[in-house]
Amino acid sequence: MSNLANLEKLKRTIIDRHVKPSNLKGAIQVTTTLVPLALLWIAVAMSPRVSYWLTAGLVAMITFLQLRVFIMMHECGQSSLFRHPLLNKSFGFVFGLLTGMPQYVWAQRHHFHHSTNGNWSKYQGPLNIISVDQYSQLTESQQRSYRNARSIWLAPVAGLMYLLLTPRITWAKGTMSLVTYLIKQKIAQPSASVKSLAPHYKTTLWASPQEYWHMFWNNAVLLSLWWLLAWAMGPPWKAQAT
């Protein structure tokens, strides 16, 4: 057997060793992520009594740990963190709360990314990347806007929109549109039930009722948790004064 064939065999062996999901390994990864994250949040709640600089440092640590949370949410969406589908689904929902993303909806979009990436007639990436020829046809002002929108310095703003604002805005906008549709249809068809009318509603904001309910519960639970945390912690200046 040639050296190249041996190398390919070795690579396949290494990949096979790590590609299989494991409930035990998944549980270890979850524990070593969620426990430190919880401890950091507790420390953040107490830190204003000591120093705002300490609070800032702890928040920075949480930020780096959140990257790990997002990666694990990705693995749940790929059904590769746990062997059991229910565990991937359950912890995917939890990680979706921590990242601010409706995990199931995000996973469906991500699957589309994997299946169509490279096919520009179907998918051009989250920033709608254009070709060099298309870029050259833009005016100078349009080219400047295109570059600025993809600047690394705008990454924090993009992250705020992507993780915190857009999922909430999308859900609220879609829900208002759905309720308006149901009211109009109920007026036009008084004898029809809401359950029979809802499936006929069409929108680009979600692809199925399952996606909508994942959006609903992600937002309902997350907004409730934000309110409870704000109520429990109180304003930072009050914590420092005590």
C-alpha atoms as a PDB file:
ATOM      1  CA  MET A   1       0.000   0.000   0.000  1.00  0.00           C
ATOM      2  CA  SER A   2       1.363   3.432  -0.949  1.00  0.00           C
ATOM      3  CA  ASN A   3       2.147   6.169   1.552  1.00  0.00           C
ATOM      4  CA  LEU A   4      -0.767   8.207   0.205  1.00  0.00           C
ATOM      5  CA  ALA A   5      -3.163   5.307   0.712  1.00  0.00           C
ATOM      6  CA  ASN A   6      -1.857   4.800   4.254  1.00  0.00           C
ATOM      7  CA  LEU A   7      -2.358   8.480   4.974  1.00  0.00           C
ATOM      8  CA  GLU A   8      -5.923   8.364   3.663  1.00  0.00           C
ATOM      9  CA  LYS A   9      -6.645   5.289   5.789  1.00  0.00           C
ATOM     10  CA  LEU A  10      -5.211   6.982   8.875  1.00  0.00           C
ATOM     11  CA  LYS A  11      -7.289  10.104   8.220  1.00  0.00           C
ATOM     12  CA  ARG A  12     -10.444   8.032   7.864  1.00  0.00           C
ATOM     13  CA  THR A  13      -9.662   6.220  11.115  1.00  0.00           C
ATOM     14  CA  ILE A  14      -9.228   9.509  12.981  1.00  0.00           C
ATOM     15  CA  ILE A  15     -12.429  10.936  11.528  1.00  0.00           C
ATOM     16  CA  ASP A  16     -14.430   7.798  12.360  1.00  0.00           C
ATOM     17  CA  ARG A  17     -13.169   7.944  15.944  1.00  0.00           C
ATOM     18  CA  HIS A  18     -14.576  11.415  16.513  1.00  0.00           C
ATOM     19  CA  VAL A  19     -17.553  11.607  14.154  1.00  0.00           C
ATOM     20  CA  LYS A  20     -19.897   9.397  16.189  1.00  0.00           C
ATOM     21  CA  PRO A  21     -22.155  11.249  18.665  1.00  0.00           C
ATOM     22  CA  SER A  22     -21.886  10.181  22.301  1.00  0.00           C
ATOM     23  CA  ASN A  23     -24.372  10.917  25.079  1.00  0.00           C
ATOM     24  CA  LEU A  24     -21.612  10.721  27.702  1.00  0.00           C
ATOM     25  CA  LYS A  25     -19.232  13.047  25.882  1.00  0.00           C
ATOM     26  CA  GLY A  26     -22.100  15.375  25.067  1.00  0.00           C
ATOM     27  CA  ALA A  27     -23.102  15.505  28.740  1.00  0.00           C
ATOM     28  CA  ILE A  28     -19.530  16.343  29.726  1.00  0.00           C
ATOM     29  CA  GLN A  29     -19.378  19.141  27.165  1.00  0.00           C
ATOM     30  CA  VAL A  30     -22.713  20.540  28.343  1.00  0.00           C
ATOM     31  CA  THR A  31     -21.685  20.428  32.012  1.00  0.00           C
ATOM     32  CA  THR A  32     -18.307  22.058  31.439  1.00  0.00           C
ATOM     33  CA  THR A  33     -20.073  24.833  29.529  1.00  0.00           C
ATOM     34  CA  LEU A  34     -23.239  25.576  31.465  1.00  0.00           C
ATOM     35  CA  VAL A  35     -21.766  25.341  34.976  1.00  0.00           C
ATOM     36  CA  PRO A  36     -18.976  27.896  34.340  1.00  0.00           C
ATOM     37  CA  LEU A  37     -21.468  30.110  32.514  1.00  0.00           C
ATOM     38  CA  ALA A  38     -23.879  30.031  35.471  1.00  0.00           C
ATOM     39  CA  LEU A  39     -21.057  30.816  37.917  1.00  0.00           C
ATOM     40  CA  LEU A  40     -19.952  33.738  35.781  1.00  0.00           C
ATOM     41  CA  TRP A  41     -23.482  35.137  35.684  1.00  0.00           C
ATOM     42  CA  ILE A  42     -23.691  34.912  39.479  1.00  0.00           C
ATOM     43  CA  ALA A  43     -20.337  36.672  39.714  1.00  0.00           C
ATOM     44  CA  VAL A  44     -21.559  39.408  37.353  1.00  0.00           C
ATOM     45  CA  ALA A  45     -24.618  39.981  39.532  1.00  0.00           C
ATOM     46  CA  MET A  46     -22.408  40.456  42.599  1.00  0.00           C
ATOM     47  CA  SER A  47     -19.492  42.290  40.957  1.00  0.00           C
ATOM     48  CA  PRO A  48     -20.921  45.868  40.931  1.00  0.00           C
ATOM     49  CA  ARG A  49     -20.537  45.875  44.706  1.00  0.00           C
ATOM     50  CA  VAL A  50     -16.803  45.532  44.134  1.00  0.00           C
ATOM     51  CA  SER A  51     -15.982  47.304  40.860  1.00  0.00           C
ATOM     52  CA  TYR A  52     -17.450  48.031  37.441  1.00  0.00           C
ATOM     53  CA  TRP A  53     -14.075  47.027  36.013  1.00  0.00           C
ATOM     54  CA  LEU A  54     -14.565  43.575  37.520  1.00  0.00           C
ATOM     55  CA  THR A  55     -18.035  43.458  35.937  1.00  0.00           C
ATOM     56  CA  ALA A  56     -16.561  44.342  32.538  1.00  0.00           C
ATOM     57  CA  GLY A  57     -13.906  41.637  32.872  1.00  0.00           C
ATOM     58  CA  LEU A  58     -16.468  38.998  33.806  1.00  0.00           C
ATOM     59  CA  VAL A  59     -18.726  40.003  30.911  1.00  0.00           C
ATOM     60  CA  ALA A  60     -15.749  39.604  28.551  1.00  0.00           C
ATOM     61  CA  MET A  61     -15.250  36.064  29.894  1.00  0.00           C
ATOM     62  CA  ILE A  62     -18.935  35.334  29.332  1.00  0.00           C
ATOM     63  CA  THR A  63     -18.608  36.604  25.769  1.00  0.00           C
ATOM     64  CA  PHE A  64     -15.883  34.073  24.981  1.00  0.00           C
ATOM     65  CA  LEU A  65     -17.881  31.280  26.631  1.00  0.00           C
ATOM     66  CA  GLN A  66     -20.911  32.270  24.570  1.00  0.00           C
ATOM     67  CA  LEU A  67     -18.926  31.390  21.451  1.00  0.00           C
ATOM     68  CA  ARG A  68     -18.688  27.854  22.793  1.00  0.00           C
ATOM     69  CA  VAL A  69     -22.427  27.874  23.491  1.00  0.00           C
ATOM     70  CA  PHE A  70     -23.118  28.911  19.894  1.00  0.00           C
ATOM     71  CA  ILE A  71     -20.887  26.115  18.589  1.00  0.00           C
ATOM     72  CA  MET A  72     -22.722  23.569  20.729  1.00  0.00           C
ATOM     73  CA  MET A  73     -26.051  24.908  19.466  1.00  0.00           C
ATOM     74  CA  HIS A  74     -24.680  24.295  15.962  1.00  0.00           C
ATOM     75  CA  GLU A  75     -23.760  20.705  16.879  1.00  0.00           C
ATOM     76  CA  CYS A  76     -27.246  20.049  18.252  1.00  0.00           C
ATOM     77  CA  GLY A  77     -28.661  21.313  14.970  1.00  0.00           C
ATOM     78  CA  GLN A  78     -26.424  18.851  13.141  1.00  0.00           C
ATOM     79  CA  SER A  79     -27.518  16.049  15.544  1.00  0.00           C
ATOM     80  CA  SER A  80     -23.857  15.478  16.367  1.00  0.00           C
ATOM     81  CA  LEU A  81     -23.575  16.461  20.042  1.00  0.00           C
ATOM     82  CA  PHE A  82     -25.710  13.627  21.455  1.00  0.00           C
ATOM     83  CA  ARG A  83     -26.613  10.258  20.046  1.00  0.00           C
ATOM     84  CA  HIS A  84     -30.235  10.574  21.180  1.00  0.00           C
ATOM     85  CA  PRO A  85     -32.328  12.976  19.039  1.00  0.00           C
ATOM     86  CA  LEU A  86     -34.375  14.175  22.022  1.00  0.00           C
ATOM     87  CA  LEU A  87     -31.207  15.318  23.824  1.00  0.00           C
ATOM     88  CA  ASN A  88     -30.056  17.253  20.765  1.00  0.00           C
ATOM     89  CA  LYS A  89     -33.483  18.863  20.493  1.00  0.00           C
ATOM     90  CA  SER A  90     -33.761  19.712  24.195  1.00  0.00           C
ATOM     91  CA  PHE A  91     -30.287  21.129  24.673  1.00  0.00           C
ATOM     92  CA  GLY A  92     -30.504  22.817  21.293  1.00  0.00           C
ATOM     93  CA  PHE A  93     -33.459  24.769  22.673  1.00  0.00           C
ATOM     94  CA  VAL A  94     -31.486  25.662  25.825  1.00  0.00           C
ATOM     95  CA  PHE A  95     -28.468  26.814  23.823  1.00  0.00           C
ATOM     96  CA  GLY A  96     -30.833  28.771  21.582  1.00  0.00           C
ATOM     97  CA  LEU A  97     -32.038  30.663  24.657  1.00  0.00           C
ATOM     98  CA  LEU A  98     -28.475  31.437  25.701  1.00  0.00           C
ATOM     99  CA  THR A  99     -27.507  32.689  22.243  1.00  0.00           C
ATOM    100  CA  GLY A 100     -30.794  34.466  21.592  1.00  0.00           C
ATOM    101  CA  MET A 101     -31.569  32.324  18.544  1.00  0.00           C
ATOM    102  CA  PRO A 102     -34.622  30.097  17.894  1.00  0.00           C
ATOM    103  CA  GLN A 103     -32.383  27.061  17.438  1.00  0.00           C
ATOM    104  CA  TYR A 104     -34.646  24.920  15.263  1.00  0.00           C
ATOM    105  CA  VAL A 105     -35.298  27.767  12.839  1.00  0.00           C
ATOM    106  CA  TRP A 106     -31.606  28.627  12.727  1.00  0.00           C
ATOM    107  CA  ALA A 107     -30.737  24.950  12.087  1.00  0.00           C
ATOM    108  CA  GLN A 108     -33.129  24.756   9.148  1.00  0.00           C
ATOM    109  CA  ARG A 109     -31.529  27.834   7.590  1.00  0.00           C
ATOM    110  CA  HIS A 110     -28.094  26.389   8.277  1.00  0.00           C
ATOM    111  CA  HIS A 111     -28.992  23.123   6.576  1.00  0.00           C
ATOM    112  CA  PHE A 112     -29.997  25.158   3.535  1.00  0.00           C
ATOM    113  CA  HIS A 113     -26.593  26.868   3.701  1.00  0.00           C
ATOM    114  CA  HIS A 114     -24.832  23.482   3.662  1.00  0.00           C
ATOM    115  CA  SER A 115     -26.933  22.102   0.824  1.00  0.00           C
ATOM    116  CA  THR A 116     -26.638  25.145  -1.452  1.00  0.00           C
ATOM    117  CA  ASN A 117     -23.326  26.782  -0.505  1.00  0.00           C
ATOM    118  CA  GLY A 118     -21.407  27.505  -3.698  1.00  0.00           C
ATOM    119  CA  ASN A 119     -24.562  27.631  -5.810  1.00  0.00           C
ATOM    120  CA  TRP A 120     -24.951  31.398  -6.183  1.00  0.00           C
ATOM    121  CA  SER A 121     -28.259  31.098  -7.974  1.00  0.00           C
ATOM    122  CA  LYS A 122     -29.736  29.789  -4.690  1.00  0.00           C
ATOM    123  CA  TYR A 123     -27.480  31.106  -1.919  1.00  0.00           C
ATOM    124  CA  GLN A 124     -24.971  33.942  -1.692  1.00  0.00           C
ATOM    125  CA  GLY A 125     -24.257  33.909   2.026  1.00  0.00           C
ATOM    126  CA  PRO A 126     -25.674  35.910   4.951  1.00  0.00           C
ATOM    127  CA  LEU A 127     -24.254  39.172   3.575  1.00  0.00           C
ATOM    128  CA  ASN A 128     -25.394  38.529  -0.005  1.00  0.00           C
ATOM    129  CA  ILE A 129     -21.874  38.408  -1.406  1.00  0.00           C
ATOM    130  CA  ILE A 130     -21.641  39.469  -5.055  1.00  0.00           C
ATOM    131  CA  SER A 131     -19.132  38.614  -7.771  1.00  0.00           C
ATOM    132  CA  VAL A 132     -16.287  40.855  -8.933  1.00  0.00           C
ATOM    133  CA  ASP A 133     -18.163  41.574 -12.153  1.00  0.00           C
ATOM    134  CA  GLN A 134     -21.295  42.572 -10.227  1.00  0.00           C
ATOM    135  CA  TYR A 135     -19.220  44.764  -7.921  1.00  0.00           C
ATOM    136  CA  SER A 136     -17.593  46.544 -10.856  1.00  0.00           C
ATOM    137  CA  GLN A 137     -21.032  47.479 -12.193  1.00  0.00           C
ATOM    138  CA  LEU A 138     -21.941  49.325  -8.975  1.00  0.00           C
ATOM    139  CA  THR A 139     -21.513  53.066  -8.678  1.00  0.00           C
ATOM    140  CA  GLU A 140     -18.725  54.411  -6.469  1.00  0.00           C
ATOM    141  CA  SER A 141     -21.262  55.223  -3.756  1.00  0.00           C
ATOM    142  CA  GLN A 142     -22.768  51.725  -3.928  1.00  0.00           C
ATOM    143  CA  GLN A 143     -19.314  50.133  -3.757  1.00  0.00           C
ATOM    144  CA  ARG A 144     -18.512  52.205  -0.672  1.00  0.00           C
ATOM    145  CA  SER A 145     -21.768  51.158   0.977  1.00  0.00           C
ATOM    146  CA  TYR A 146     -21.073  47.524   0.091  1.00  0.00           C
ATOM    147  CA  ARG A 147     -17.610  47.671   1.701  1.00  0.00           C
ATOM    148  CA  ASN A 148     -18.807  49.520   4.787  1.00  0.00           C
ATOM    149  CA  ALA A 149     -21.620  47.048   5.419  1.00  0.00           C
ATOM    150  CA  ARG A 150     -19.050  44.230   5.527  1.00  0.00           C
ATOM    151  CA  SER A 151     -16.443  46.042   7.607  1.00  0.00           C
ATOM    152  CA  ILE A 152     -15.075  44.182  10.627  1.00  0.00           C
ATOM    153  CA  TRP A 153     -15.697  47.301  12.703  1.00  0.00           C
ATOM    154  CA  LEU A 154     -19.418  46.853  12.247  1.00  0.00           C
ATOM    155  CA  ALA A 155     -19.319  43.265  13.544  1.00  0.00           C
ATOM    156  CA  PRO A 156     -20.643  44.224  17.029  1.00  0.00           C
ATOM    157  CA  VAL A 157     -23.598  45.994  15.416  1.00  0.00           C
ATOM    158  CA  ALA A 158     -24.203  43.025  13.109  1.00  0.00           C
ATOM    159  CA  GLY A 159     -24.030  40.672  16.091  1.00  0.00           C
ATOM    160  CA  LEU A 160     -26.552  42.781  18.003  1.00  0.00           C
ATOM    161  CA  MET A 161     -28.932  42.693  15.038  1.00  0.00           C
ATOM    162  CA  TYR A 162     -28.399  39.002  14.256  1.00  0.00           C
ATOM    163  CA  LEU A 163     -28.602  37.597  17.788  1.00  0.00           C
ATOM    164  CA  LEU A 164     -30.782  39.961  19.793  1.00  0.00           C
ATOM    165  CA  LEU A 165     -32.927  42.201  17.610  1.00  0.00           C
ATOM    166  CA  THR A 166     -33.754  40.315  14.397  1.00  0.00           C
ATOM    167  CA  PRO A 167     -35.235  37.157  16.040  1.00  0.00           C
ATOM    168  CA  ARG A 168     -37.477  39.342  18.212  1.00  0.00           C
ATOM    169  CA  ILE A 169     -38.480  41.690  15.385  1.00  0.00           C
ATOM    170  CA  THR A 170     -39.149  38.786  13.006  1.00  0.00           C
ATOM    171  CA  TRP A 171     -41.351  37.016  15.536  1.00  0.00           C
ATOM    172  CA  ALA A 172     -43.276  40.169  16.503  1.00  0.00           C
ATOM    173  CA  LYS A 173     -43.765  41.245  12.889  1.00  0.00           C
ATOM    174  CA  GLY A 174     -44.892  37.790  11.807  1.00  0.00           C
ATOM    175  CA  THR A 175     -47.214  37.338  14.775  1.00  0.00           C
ATOM    176  CA  MET A 176     -48.918  40.693  14.174  1.00  0.00           C
ATOM    177  CA  SER A 177     -49.362  39.817  10.518  1.00  0.00           C
ATOM    178  CA  LEU A 178     -50.771  36.385  11.421  1.00  0.00           C
ATOM    179  CA  VAL A 179     -53.230  37.826  13.955  1.00  0.00           C
ATOM    180  CA  THR A 180     -54.382  40.460  11.439  1.00  0.00           C
ATOM    181  CA  TYR A 181     -54.917  37.744   8.827  1.00  0.00           C
ATOM    182  CA  LEU A 182     -56.907  35.565  11.245  1.00  0.00           C
ATOM    183  CA  ILE A 183     -59.119  38.481  12.312  1.00  0.00           C
ATOM    184  CA  LYS A 184     -59.925  39.381   8.703  1.00  0.00           C
ATOM    185  CA  GLN A 185     -60.616  35.755   7.784  1.00  0.00           C
ATOM    186  CA  LYS A 186     -62.776  35.250  10.860  1.00  0.00           C
ATOM    187  CA  ILE A 187     -64.861  38.285   9.934  1.00  0.00           C
ATOM    188  CA  ALA A 188     -65.228  36.994   6.373  1.00  0.00           C
ATOM    189  CA  GLN A 189     -65.922  33.401   7.527  1.00  0.00           C
ATOM    190  CA  PRO A 190     -67.544  33.531  10.993  1.00  0.00           C
ATOM    191  CA  SER A 191     -68.255  29.800  11.050  1.00  0.00           C
ATOM    192  CA  ALA A 192     -64.641  28.814  10.324  1.00  0.00           C
ATOM    193  CA  SER A 193     -62.379  27.976  13.270  1.00  0.00           C
ATOM    194  CA  VAL A 194     -59.058  29.702  13.837  1.00  0.00           C
ATOM    195  CA  LYS A 195     -57.391  26.284  13.681  1.00  0.00           C
ATOM    196  CA  SER A 196     -58.730  25.716  10.158  1.00  0.00           C
ATOM    197  CA  LEU A 197     -57.790  29.224   8.990  1.00  0.00           C
ATOM    198  CA  ALA A 198     -54.224  29.367  10.308  1.00  0.00           C
ATOM    199  CA  PRO A 199     -52.684  26.788   7.892  1.00  0.00           C
ATOM    200  CA  HIS A 200     -53.690  28.975   4.924  1.00  0.00           C
ATOM    201  CA  TYR A 201     -51.563  31.889   6.122  1.00  0.00           C
ATOM    202  CA  LYS A 202     -48.418  32.303   4.006  1.00  0.00           C
ATOM    203  CA  THR A 203     -45.267  34.203   4.976  1.00  0.00           C
ATOM    204  CA  THR A 204     -41.555  34.272   4.220  1.00  0.00           C
ATOM    205  CA  LEU A 205     -40.726  34.661   7.923  1.00  0.00           C
ATOM    206  CA  TRP A 206     -41.140  30.959   8.706  1.00  0.00           C
ATOM    207  CA  ALA A 207     -41.406  27.838   6.594  1.00  0.00           C
ATOM    208  CA  SER A 208     -43.720  25.734   8.788  1.00  0.00           C
ATOM    209  CA  PRO A 209     -45.911  25.883  11.914  1.00  0.00           C
ATOM    210  CA  GLN A 210     -43.120  24.058  13.740  1.00  0.00           C
ATOM    211  CA  GLU A 211     -40.718  26.886  12.971  1.00  0.00           C
ATOM    212  CA  TYR A 212     -43.207  29.452  14.245  1.00  0.00           C
ATOM    213  CA  TRP A 213     -43.737  27.664  17.559  1.00  0.00           C
ATOM    214  CA  HIS A 214     -39.997  27.367  18.077  1.00  0.00           C
ATOM    215  CA  MET A 215     -39.767  31.112  17.474  1.00  0.00           C
ATOM    216  CA  PHE A 216     -42.677  31.687  19.866  1.00  0.00           C
ATOM    217  CA  TRP A 217     -41.283  29.662  22.756  1.00  0.00           C
ATOM    218  CA  ASN A 218     -37.744  30.955  22.296  1.00  0.00           C
ATOM    219  CA  ASN A 219     -38.979  34.538  22.529  1.00  0.00           C
ATOM    220  CA  ALA A 220     -41.526  33.905  25.282  1.00  0.00           C
ATOM    221  CA  VAL A 221     -39.031  32.136  27.544  1.00  0.00           C
ATOM    222  CA  LEU A 222     -36.094  34.414  26.734  1.00  0.00           C
ATOM    223  CA  LEU A 223     -37.983  37.679  27.271  1.00  0.00           C
ATOM    224  CA  SER A 224     -39.368  36.304  30.543  1.00  0.00           C
ATOM    225  CA  LEU A 225     -35.875  35.355  31.712  1.00  0.00           C
ATOM    226  CA  TRP A 226     -34.509  38.778  30.788  1.00  0.00           C
ATOM    227  CA  TRP A 227     -37.246  40.431  32.822  1.00  0.00           C
ATOM    228  CA  LEU A 228     -36.675  38.141  35.818  1.00  0.00           C
ATOM    229  CA  LEU A 229     -32.904  38.730  35.735  1.00  0.00           C
ATOM    230  CA  ALA A 230     -33.397  42.485  35.535  1.00  0.00           C
ATOM    231  CA  TRP A 231     -35.852  42.361  38.433  1.00  0.00           C
ATOM    232  CA  ALA A 232     -33.618  40.115  40.569  1.00  0.00           C
ATOM    233  CA  MET A 233     -30.405  42.060  39.962  1.00  0.00           C
ATOM    234  CA  GLY A 234     -31.876  45.537  40.010  1.00  0.00           C
ATOM    235  CA  PRO A 235     -30.011  48.582  38.712  1.00  0.00           C
ATOM    236  CA  PRO A 236     -26.192  48.315  39.021  1.00  0.00           C
ATOM    237  CA  TRP A 237     -25.881  51.527  41.022  1.00  0.00           C
ATOM    238  CA  LYS A 238     -28.246  50.077  43.653  1.00  0.00           C
ATOM    239  CA  ALA A 239     -26.122  46.937  43.914  1.00  0.00           C
ATOM    240  CA  GLN A 240     -22.964  49.025  44.322  1.00  0.00           C
ATOM    241  CA  ALA A 241     -24.540  51.188  46.995  1.00  0.00           C
ATOM    242  CA  THR A 242     -25.414  48.150  49.090  1.00  0.00           C
END
